[in-house]
Amino acid sequence: MKTSICTSLLLMALTCSLPCMTSADEASHRQAVERLFELTRMQEKIETSVNNVMAMQLRQEPALREHEALLRDYLEQQIGWAGLKSPLTEMYMQSFTEAELNEINAFYSSPTGSKMIERLPELIKQRDQLAMQRMQQNIGELRQAIEKADSK
């Protein structure tokens, strides 16, 4: 009888402590994501993106200049760090386990990982330029294929 009461009390204590353990696990998982964002300069990249979108919008629609502050506020809310941090954190938490994030963070903390973070934006830019150049150089192939398909 005493054993079953003790077992019941122990089970209740464990059951009640599960939400606390889950919260602690979730908190450390969230910290691992935030560390990744720090290492990869996510906030800085998002702020740069907002500035680029802002500049593009103002070039395309010069009349927006008189509402520049409203546009900036809107962009900050929608695609800025304040608007994206929470959903991005959830996306990363669903995509990577805490252990995986710790491994990723260890890599990005290394000299090679730091170099990757530093060089990747330029490599992506060069890749995009190469792709555009190849498409422009070879657009004739597509035109010929379309003409051939249309002539059938």
Protein backbone atom coordinates (compact mmCIF):
# COMPACT_ATOMS: atom_id res chain seq x y z
CA MET A 1 0.00 0.00 0.00
CA LYS A 2 2.76 2.42 0.98
CA THR A 3 4.63 1.43 -2.19
CA SER A 4 1.66 2.18 -4.42
CA ILE A 5 1.09 5.56 -2.71
CA CYS A 6 4.78 6.44 -3.10
CA THR A 7 4.71 5.32 -6.72
CA SER A 8 1.57 7.39 -7.37
CA LEU A 9 3.13 10.46 -5.74
CA LEU A 10 6.32 9.98 -7.73
CA LEU A 11 4.37 9.66 -10.99
CA MET A 12 2.38 12.80 -10.17
CA ALA A 13 5.56 14.72 -9.37
CA LEU A 14 7.15 13.60 -12.62
CA THR A 15 4.04 14.43 -14.62
CA CYS A 16 3.86 17.89 -13.08
CA SER A 17 7.54 18.54 -13.75
CA LEU A 18 7.37 17.59 -17.45
CA PRO A 19 6.15 21.03 -18.57
CA CYS A 20 9.08 22.60 -16.71
CA MET A 21 11.55 20.24 -18.35
CA THR A 22 9.99 20.89 -21.75
CA SER A 23 10.19 24.64 -21.16
CA ALA A 24 13.85 24.33 -20.20
CA ASP A 25 14.52 22.24 -23.32
CA GLU A 26 12.59 24.71 -25.46
CA ALA A 27 14.47 27.63 -23.92
CA SER A 28 17.87 26.09 -24.64
CA HIS A 29 16.70 25.10 -28.14
CA ARG A 30 15.62 28.71 -28.70
CA GLN A 31 18.98 29.95 -27.39
CA ALA A 32 20.76 27.72 -29.90
CA VAL A 33 18.72 29.29 -32.73
CA GLU A 34 19.44 32.78 -31.42
CA ARG A 35 23.15 31.93 -31.28
CA LEU A 36 22.99 30.81 -34.91
CA PHE A 37 21.31 34.09 -35.85
CA GLU A 38 24.09 35.93 -34.02
CA LEU A 39 26.87 33.98 -35.73
CA THR A 40 25.33 34.35 -39.19
CA ARG A 41 24.51 38.03 -38.63
CA MET A 42 20.87 37.34 -39.47
CA GLN A 43 19.59 40.64 -38.07
CA GLU A 44 22.15 42.62 -40.08
CA LYS A 45 21.24 40.72 -43.26
CA ILE A 46 17.53 41.31 -42.74
CA GLU A 47 18.13 45.01 -42.10
CA THR A 48 20.16 45.20 -45.32
CA SER A 49 17.33 43.45 -47.14
CA VAL A 50 14.79 45.96 -45.80
CA ASN A 51 17.02 48.82 -46.95
CA ASN A 52 17.37 47.25 -50.41
CA VAL A 53 13.61 46.74 -50.77
CA MET A 54 13.06 50.31 -49.57
CA ALA A 55 15.49 51.70 -52.15
CA MET A 56 13.96 49.59 -54.92
CA GLN A 57 10.42 50.71 -54.05
CA LEU A 58 11.47 54.36 -54.02
CA ARG A 59 13.20 53.97 -57.41
CA GLN A 60 10.17 52.27 -58.92
CA GLU A 61 7.65 54.67 -57.38
CA PRO A 62 9.26 58.06 -56.69
CA ALA A 63 5.92 59.38 -55.38
CA LEU A 64 6.44 57.19 -52.31
CA ARG A 65 9.24 59.53 -51.17
CA GLU A 66 6.70 61.75 -49.43
CA HIS A 67 5.58 58.68 -47.44
CA GLU A 68 9.06 57.25 -46.90
CA ALA A 69 8.63 57.00 -43.11
CA LEU A 70 5.35 55.11 -43.51
CA LEU A 71 6.92 52.77 -46.05
CA ARG A 72 9.89 52.11 -43.77
CA ASP A 73 7.59 51.38 -40.81
CA TYR A 74 5.52 49.01 -42.94
CA LEU A 75 8.59 47.18 -44.26
CA GLU A 76 10.08 46.92 -40.76
CA GLN A 77 6.85 45.37 -39.45
CA GLN A 78 6.45 42.96 -42.35
CA ILE A 79 9.98 41.93 -43.36
CA GLY A 80 12.18 43.57 -40.72
CA TRP A 81 13.90 41.87 -37.81
CA ALA A 82 11.13 42.72 -35.35
CA GLY A 83 8.53 41.13 -37.62
CA LEU A 84 10.53 38.08 -38.69
CA LYS A 85 12.60 37.08 -35.65
CA SER A 86 9.89 35.07 -33.90
CA PRO A 87 8.58 33.16 -36.95
CA LEU A 88 12.13 32.52 -38.18
CA THR A 89 13.08 31.19 -34.75
CA GLU A 90 10.13 28.79 -34.86
CA MET A 91 11.07 27.69 -38.40
CA TYR A 92 14.63 26.91 -37.33
CA MET A 93 13.44 25.13 -34.18
CA GLN A 94 11.20 22.91 -36.31
CA SER A 95 13.91 22.30 -38.91
CA PHE A 96 16.85 21.54 -36.61
CA THR A 97 17.19 19.78 -33.29
CA GLU A 98 19.06 21.54 -30.54
CA ALA A 99 21.97 19.12 -31.01
CA GLU A 100 22.10 19.89 -34.74
CA LEU A 101 22.04 23.63 -34.03
CA ASN A 102 24.88 23.21 -31.56
CA GLU A 103 26.91 21.44 -34.27
CA ILE A 104 26.07 24.14 -36.82
CA ASN A 105 27.01 26.82 -34.30
CA ALA A 106 30.31 25.07 -33.56
CA PHE A 107 31.11 25.11 -37.28
CA TYR A 108 30.18 28.77 -37.70
CA SER A 109 32.25 29.61 -34.60
CA SER A 110 35.33 28.07 -36.25
CA PRO A 111 37.67 30.06 -38.52
CA THR A 112 36.35 28.14 -41.56
CA GLY A 113 32.74 28.77 -40.56
CA SER A 114 33.46 32.47 -40.05
CA LYS A 115 35.04 32.58 -43.50
CA MET A 116 31.95 30.87 -44.93
CA ILE A 117 29.66 33.47 -43.35
CA GLU A 118 31.86 36.28 -44.64
CA ARG A 119 32.22 34.98 -48.20
CA LEU A 120 28.84 33.39 -48.86
CA PRO A 121 26.95 36.59 -49.78
CA GLU A 122 29.53 37.43 -52.45
CA LEU A 123 29.50 33.87 -53.76
CA ILE A 124 25.72 33.96 -54.02
CA LYS A 125 25.93 37.28 -55.86
CA GLN A 126 28.50 35.83 -58.28
CA ARG A 127 26.38 32.71 -58.77
CA ASP A 128 23.34 34.83 -59.62
CA GLN A 129 25.38 36.92 -62.06
CA LEU A 130 26.74 33.78 -63.71
CA ALA A 131 23.24 32.32 -64.06
CA MET A 132 21.92 35.56 -65.58
CA GLN A 133 24.88 35.79 -67.96
CA ARG A 134 24.40 32.20 -69.12
CA MET A 135 20.70 32.74 -69.68
CA GLN A 136 21.35 35.91 -71.68
CA GLN A 137 24.07 34.24 -73.77
CA ASN A 138 21.91 31.23 -74.55
CA ILE A 139 18.44 32.76 -74.85
CA GLY A 140 18.57 31.99 -78.57
CA GLU A 141 18.31 28.28 -77.79
CA LEU A 142 15.02 28.87 -75.99
CA ARG A 143 13.70 31.05 -78.79
CA GLN A 144 14.58 28.37 -81.36
CA ALA A 145 12.89 25.68 -79.28
CA ILE A 146 9.75 27.81 -78.96
CA GLU A 147 9.70 28.59 -82.67
CA LYS A 148 10.14 24.91 -83.47
CA ALA A 149 7.32 23.95 -81.10
CA ASP A 150 5.04 26.63 -82.53
CA SER A 151 5.71 25.54 -86.12
CA LYS A 152 4.45 22.00 -85.48
